[in-house]
Amino acid sequence: MAPGEFEKMCAGEPFSVHTPEIQSKLLATHRWLSRYNASLAVPPEVRRSMLLERLAAVGEGADILPPFHCDCGFNIRLGAGAFLNFNCVILDVAPVSIGAGTQIGPGVQILTTDHPRDPCTRAQGVEFGRPISIGARVWIGGGAIILPGVTIEDEAVVGAGAVVTHDVPAGMTVMGNPARPR
């Protein structure tokens, strides 16, 4: 039996987002996000329990301040003490891991979703994802954009507004568009 579009998505293969199976999963996430994004005035422990409803893993003390936006939720793993500030976006059609103690500023976008370069294929609604891995004790400044397939190793710093197009080695500071070592 040929894999369905959801299985293709999970395997990082090109898939169509317009299938009923994928649309129902996205709708379930959007319903969860509506509840989650109304939770700013509740204690962090309550938000953590809500994160556990949808995310793949949520370490002790991890928190995401609403509003928050994601595609699936079930592809996101947060290490202990990870913190995402207001207005973060994670397009997680592929796995996203965020290490322990990592701090992510407001308005950061973590984008695993990619699209075919051929315009005819792209017009058919085909997309695919490439995983993003963010190590432990990383600091990502507000408004940064992390592109598909990037790995940011432990204790790296990404400056505010940076567009990260390539891997960032451990302990390195990068800034700018495209992000470069500083």
C-alpha atoms as a PDB file:
ATOM      1  CA  MET A   1       0.000   0.000   0.000  1.00  0.00           C
ATOM      2  CA  ALA A   2       1.353   3.412  -0.964  1.00  0.00           C
ATOM      3  CA  PRO A   3       1.922   5.809   1.919  1.00  0.00           C
ATOM      4  CA  GLY A   4      -0.737   8.450   2.478  1.00  0.00           C
ATOM      5  CA  GLU A   5       0.028  12.156   2.413  1.00  0.00           C
ATOM      6  CA  PHE A   6       0.326  12.296   6.227  1.00  0.00           C
ATOM      7  CA  GLU A   7       2.901   9.474   6.203  1.00  0.00           C
ATOM      8  CA  LYS A   8       4.792  11.288   3.442  1.00  0.00           C
ATOM      9  CA  MET A   9       4.768  14.468   5.529  1.00  0.00           C
ATOM     10  CA  CYS A  10       6.134  12.637   8.560  1.00  0.00           C
ATOM     11  CA  ALA A  11       8.864  11.042   6.414  1.00  0.00           C
ATOM     12  CA  GLY A  12      10.000  14.399   5.008  1.00  0.00           C
ATOM     13  CA  GLU A  13       8.815  13.520   1.519  1.00  0.00           C
ATOM     14  CA  PRO A  14       6.839  15.838  -0.771  1.00  0.00           C
ATOM     15  CA  PHE A  15       3.134  15.776   0.176  1.00  0.00           C
ATOM     16  CA  SER A  16      -0.099  17.587  -0.552  1.00  0.00           C
ATOM     17  CA  VAL A  17      -1.384  19.652   2.345  1.00  0.00           C
ATOM     18  CA  HIS A  18      -4.887  19.697   0.829  1.00  0.00           C
ATOM     19  CA  THR A  19      -5.915  16.134   1.748  1.00  0.00           C
ATOM     20  CA  PRO A  20      -8.770  15.621   4.231  1.00  0.00           C
ATOM     21  CA  GLU A  21      -6.491  13.730   6.655  1.00  0.00           C
ATOM     22  CA  ILE A  22      -3.933  16.532   6.883  1.00  0.00           C
ATOM     23  CA  GLN A  23      -6.599  19.237   6.950  1.00  0.00           C
ATOM     24  CA  SER A  24      -8.325  17.529   9.895  1.00  0.00           C
ATOM     25  CA  LYS A  25      -5.028  17.395  11.833  1.00  0.00           C
ATOM     26  CA  LEU A  26      -4.376  21.071  11.113  1.00  0.00           C
ATOM     27  CA  LEU A  27      -7.914  21.951  12.204  1.00  0.00           C
ATOM     28  CA  ALA A  28      -7.440  20.062  15.477  1.00  0.00           C
ATOM     29  CA  THR A  29      -4.234  22.039  16.080  1.00  0.00           C
ATOM     30  CA  HIS A  30      -5.991  25.328  15.303  1.00  0.00           C
ATOM     31  CA  ARG A  31      -8.726  24.493  17.805  1.00  0.00           C
ATOM     32  CA  TRP A  32      -6.082  23.708  20.417  1.00  0.00           C
ATOM     33  CA  LEU A  33      -4.259  26.964  19.586  1.00  0.00           C
ATOM     34  CA  SER A  34      -7.464  28.939  20.162  1.00  0.00           C
ATOM     35  CA  ARG A  35      -7.632  27.557  23.692  1.00  0.00           C
ATOM     36  CA  TYR A  36      -3.911  27.915  24.293  1.00  0.00           C
ATOM     37  CA  ASN A  37      -3.774  31.496  23.073  1.00  0.00           C
ATOM     38  CA  ALA A  38      -6.455  32.429  25.598  1.00  0.00           C
ATOM     39  CA  SER A  39      -4.230  31.135  28.434  1.00  0.00           C
ATOM     40  CA  LEU A  40      -1.878  34.082  29.006  1.00  0.00           C
ATOM     41  CA  ALA A  41      -3.473  34.967  32.344  1.00  0.00           C
ATOM     42  CA  VAL A  42      -3.052  31.463  33.777  1.00  0.00           C
ATOM     43  CA  PRO A  43      -0.037  30.165  35.734  1.00  0.00           C
ATOM     44  CA  PRO A  44       2.836  28.659  33.709  1.00  0.00           C
ATOM     45  CA  GLU A  45       2.057  25.189  35.138  1.00  0.00           C
ATOM     46  CA  VAL A  46      -1.407  25.344  33.561  1.00  0.00           C
ATOM     47  CA  ARG A  47       0.057  26.411  30.212  1.00  0.00           C
ATOM     48  CA  ARG A  48       2.569  23.548  30.478  1.00  0.00           C
ATOM     49  CA  SER A  49      -0.260  21.048  30.945  1.00  0.00           C
ATOM     50  CA  MET A  50      -1.914  22.493  27.840  1.00  0.00           C
ATOM     51  CA  LEU A  51       1.353  22.188  25.889  1.00  0.00           C
ATOM     52  CA  LEU A  52       1.540  18.526  26.918  1.00  0.00           C
ATOM     53  CA  GLU A  53      -1.842  17.973  25.211  1.00  0.00           C
ATOM     54  CA  ARG A  54      -0.393  18.752  21.782  1.00  0.00           C
ATOM     55  CA  LEU A  55       3.423  18.883  21.714  1.00  0.00           C
ATOM     56  CA  ALA A  56       5.630  15.789  21.393  1.00  0.00           C
ATOM     57  CA  ALA A  57       7.619  16.615  24.556  1.00  0.00           C
ATOM     58  CA  VAL A  58       7.617  19.414  27.104  1.00  0.00           C
ATOM     59  CA  GLY A  59      10.440  19.471  29.651  1.00  0.00           C
ATOM     60  CA  GLU A  60       9.950  20.619  33.217  1.00  0.00           C
ATOM     61  CA  GLY A  61       9.642  24.396  33.415  1.00  0.00           C
ATOM     62  CA  ALA A  62       9.320  24.881  29.632  1.00  0.00           C
ATOM     63  CA  ASP A  63       6.922  27.664  28.629  1.00  0.00           C
ATOM     64  CA  ILE A  64       5.574  29.379  25.524  1.00  0.00           C
ATOM     65  CA  LEU A  65       3.889  32.740  26.028  1.00  0.00           C
ATOM     66  CA  PRO A  66       0.733  33.212  23.973  1.00  0.00           C
ATOM     67  CA  PRO A  67      -0.006  34.129  21.328  1.00  0.00           C
ATOM     68  CA  PHE A  68       1.752  31.194  19.704  1.00  0.00           C
ATOM     69  CA  HIS A  69       1.224  29.666  16.279  1.00  0.00           C
ATOM     70  CA  CYS A  70       2.184  26.289  14.816  1.00  0.00           C
ATOM     71  CA  ASP A  71       1.093  23.898  12.073  1.00  0.00           C
ATOM     72  CA  CYS A  72       0.906  20.568  13.873  1.00  0.00           C
ATOM     73  CA  GLY A  73       2.293  20.810  17.394  1.00  0.00           C
ATOM     74  CA  PHE A  74       3.027  17.091  17.603  1.00  0.00           C
ATOM     75  CA  ASN A  75       6.390  17.618  15.875  1.00  0.00           C
ATOM     76  CA  ILE A  76       7.680  20.048  18.543  1.00  0.00           C
ATOM     77  CA  ARG A  77       9.933  18.980  21.441  1.00  0.00           C
ATOM     78  CA  LEU A  78      10.865  21.442  24.197  1.00  0.00           C
ATOM     79  CA  GLY A  79      13.690  20.752  26.647  1.00  0.00           C
ATOM     80  CA  ALA A  80      13.507  21.602  30.344  1.00  0.00           C
ATOM     81  CA  GLY A  81      13.358  25.332  30.974  1.00  0.00           C
ATOM     82  CA  ALA A  82      13.020  26.240  27.285  1.00  0.00           C
ATOM     83  CA  PHE A  83      11.215  29.577  26.880  1.00  0.00           C
ATOM     84  CA  LEU A  84       9.507  31.100  23.839  1.00  0.00           C
ATOM     85  CA  ASN A  85       8.291  34.688  24.150  1.00  0.00           C
ATOM     86  CA  PHE A  86       5.140  36.220  22.600  1.00  0.00           C
ATOM     87  CA  ASN A  87       4.211  35.759  18.913  1.00  0.00           C
ATOM     88  CA  CYS A  88       6.508  32.879  18.014  1.00  0.00           C
ATOM     89  CA  VAL A  89       5.630  30.839  14.928  1.00  0.00           C
ATOM     90  CA  ILE A  90       6.725  27.244  14.404  1.00  0.00           C
ATOM     91  CA  LEU A  91       5.776  25.683  11.068  1.00  0.00           C
ATOM     92  CA  ASP A  92       6.389  22.101  12.118  1.00  0.00           C
ATOM     93  CA  VAL A  93       5.564  19.772   9.255  1.00  0.00           C
ATOM     94  CA  ALA A  94       8.943  18.239  10.183  1.00  0.00           C
ATOM     95  CA  PRO A  95      10.406  17.771  13.679  1.00  0.00           C
ATOM     96  CA  VAL A  96      11.549  20.788  15.682  1.00  0.00           C
ATOM     97  CA  SER A  97      13.630  20.237  18.813  1.00  0.00           C
ATOM     98  CA  ILE A  98      14.482  23.056  21.190  1.00  0.00           C
ATOM     99  CA  GLY A  99      17.046  22.227  23.864  1.00  0.00           C
ATOM    100  CA  ALA A 100      17.028  22.760  27.609  1.00  0.00           C
ATOM    101  CA  GLY A 101      17.441  26.310  28.820  1.00  0.00           C
ATOM    102  CA  THR A 102      17.082  27.840  25.366  1.00  0.00           C
ATOM    103  CA  GLN A 103      15.518  31.302  25.257  1.00  0.00           C
ATOM    104  CA  ILE A 104      13.671  32.489  22.173  1.00  0.00           C
ATOM    105  CA  GLY A 105      12.657  36.134  21.794  1.00  0.00           C
ATOM    106  CA  PRO A 106       9.324  37.535  20.608  1.00  0.00           C
ATOM    107  CA  GLY A 107       8.262  37.144  17.002  1.00  0.00           C
ATOM    108  CA  VAL A 108      10.762  34.415  16.134  1.00  0.00           C
ATOM    109  CA  GLN A 109       9.818  32.166  13.201  1.00  0.00           C
ATOM    110  CA  ILE A 110      11.036  28.558  13.045  1.00  0.00           C
ATOM    111  CA  LEU A 111      10.112  27.263   9.584  1.00  0.00           C
ATOM    112  CA  THR A 112      10.552  23.594   8.641  1.00  0.00           C
ATOM    113  CA  THR A 113       8.189  23.919   5.680  1.00  0.00           C
ATOM    114  CA  ASP A 114       9.818  24.079   2.259  1.00  0.00           C
ATOM    115  CA  HIS A 115       8.418  24.116  -1.261  1.00  0.00           C
ATOM    116  CA  PRO A 116       9.519  22.759  -4.637  1.00  0.00           C
ATOM    117  CA  ARG A 117      11.497  25.210  -6.722  1.00  0.00           C
ATOM    118  CA  ASP A 118       9.557  24.241  -9.865  1.00  0.00           C
ATOM    119  CA  PRO A 119       6.563  26.614 -10.133  1.00  0.00           C
ATOM    120  CA  CYS A 120       4.264  24.018 -11.747  1.00  0.00           C
ATOM    121  CA  THR A 121       4.861  21.511  -8.941  1.00  0.00           C
ATOM    122  CA  ARG A 122       4.509  24.246  -6.339  1.00  0.00           C
ATOM    123  CA  ALA A 123       1.184  25.332  -7.889  1.00  0.00           C
ATOM    124  CA  GLN A 124      -0.151  21.806  -7.211  1.00  0.00           C
ATOM    125  CA  GLY A 125       0.099  22.464  -3.453  1.00  0.00           C
ATOM    126  CA  VAL A 126       3.072  20.174  -2.908  1.00  0.00           C
ATOM    127  CA  GLU A 127       5.389  20.925   0.005  1.00  0.00           C
ATOM    128  CA  PHE A 128       7.838  19.104   2.261  1.00  0.00           C
ATOM    129  CA  GLY A 129       9.618  19.691   5.526  1.00  0.00           C
ATOM    130  CA  ARG A 130      13.193  19.619   6.753  1.00  0.00           C
ATOM    131  CA  PRO A 131      13.830  19.233  10.520  1.00  0.00           C
ATOM    132  CA  ILE A 132      15.224  22.035  12.668  1.00  0.00           C
ATOM    133  CA  SER A 133      17.324  21.337  15.751  1.00  0.00           C
ATOM    134  CA  ILE A 134      18.136  24.024  18.320  1.00  0.00           C
ATOM    135  CA  GLY A 135      20.546  22.978  21.063  1.00  0.00           C
ATOM    136  CA  ALA A 136      20.693  23.708  24.773  1.00  0.00           C
ATOM    137  CA  ARG A 137      21.217  27.175  26.254  1.00  0.00           C
ATOM    138  CA  VAL A 138      20.812  28.904  22.885  1.00  0.00           C
ATOM    139  CA  TRP A 139      19.632  32.499  22.777  1.00  0.00           C
ATOM    140  CA  ILE A 140      17.616  33.627  19.739  1.00  0.00           C
ATOM    141  CA  GLY A 141      16.832  37.353  19.557  1.00  0.00           C
ATOM    142  CA  GLY A 142      13.435  38.778  18.654  1.00  0.00           C
ATOM    143  CA  GLY A 143      12.266  38.591  15.069  1.00  0.00           C
ATOM    144  CA  ALA A 144      14.861  36.045  13.945  1.00  0.00           C
ATOM    145  CA  ILE A 145      13.900  33.574  11.233  1.00  0.00           C
ATOM    146  CA  ILE A 146      15.250  30.007  11.242  1.00  0.00           C
ATOM    147  CA  LEU A 147      14.938  28.344   7.815  1.00  0.00           C
ATOM    148  CA  PRO A 148      14.276  24.656   6.992  1.00  0.00           C
ATOM    149  CA  GLY A 149      16.962  22.093   7.797  1.00  0.00           C
ATOM    150  CA  VAL A 150      19.051  24.328  10.084  1.00  0.00           C
ATOM    151  CA  THR A 151      20.836  23.064  13.204  1.00  0.00           C
ATOM    152  CA  ILE A 152      21.832  25.581  15.871  1.00  0.00           C
ATOM    153  CA  GLU A 153      24.228  23.938  18.306  1.00  0.00           C
ATOM    154  CA  ASP A 154      24.490  24.426  22.082  1.00  0.00           C
ATOM    155  CA  GLU A 155      25.158  27.891  23.540  1.00  0.00           C
ATOM    156  CA  ALA A 156      24.979  29.689  20.193  1.00  0.00           C
ATOM    157  CA  VAL A 157      23.518  33.198  19.949  1.00  0.00           C
ATOM    158  CA  VAL A 158      21.340  34.378  17.067  1.00  0.00           C
ATOM    159  CA  GLY A 159      20.970  38.158  16.882  1.00  0.00           C
ATOM    160  CA  ALA A 160      17.604  39.883  16.654  1.00  0.00           C
ATOM    161  CA  GLY A 161      16.238  39.936  13.126  1.00  0.00           C
ATOM    162  CA  ALA A 162      18.791  37.446  11.789  1.00  0.00           C
ATOM    163  CA  VAL A 163      17.806  35.103   8.967  1.00  0.00           C
ATOM    164  CA  VAL A 164      19.518  31.787   9.672  1.00  0.00           C
ATOM    165  CA  THR A 165      20.066  29.915   6.399  1.00  0.00           C
ATOM    166  CA  HIS A 166      22.902  27.576   7.501  1.00  0.00           C
ATOM    167  CA  ASP A 167      23.924  25.591  10.576  1.00  0.00           C
ATOM    168  CA  VAL A 168      25.366  27.526  13.523  1.00  0.00           C
ATOM    169  CA  PRO A 169      28.231  25.847  15.441  1.00  0.00           C
ATOM    170  CA  ALA A 170      28.254  25.597  19.238  1.00  0.00           C
ATOM    171  CA  GLY A 171      29.024  28.848  21.023  1.00  0.00           C
ATOM    172  CA  MET A 172      28.988  30.984  17.857  1.00  0.00           C
ATOM    173  CA  THR A 173      27.159  34.314  17.579  1.00  0.00           C
ATOM    174  CA  VAL A 174      25.505  35.071  14.230  1.00  0.00           C
ATOM    175  CA  MET A 175      23.712  38.208  13.032  1.00  0.00           C
ATOM    176  CA  GLY A 176      22.302  39.725   9.875  1.00  0.00           C
ATOM    177  CA  ASN A 177      20.578  38.588   6.702  1.00  0.00           C
ATOM    178  CA  PRO A 178      21.819  36.058   5.889  1.00  0.00           C
ATOM    179  CA  ALA A 179      23.155  35.359   9.371  1.00  0.00           C
ATOM    180  CA  ARG A 180      26.952  35.470   9.567  1.00  0.00           C
ATOM    181  CA  PRO A 181      29.410  35.024  12.432  1.00  0.00           C
ATOM    182  CA  ARG A 182      30.175  38.131  14.498  1.00  0.00           C
END
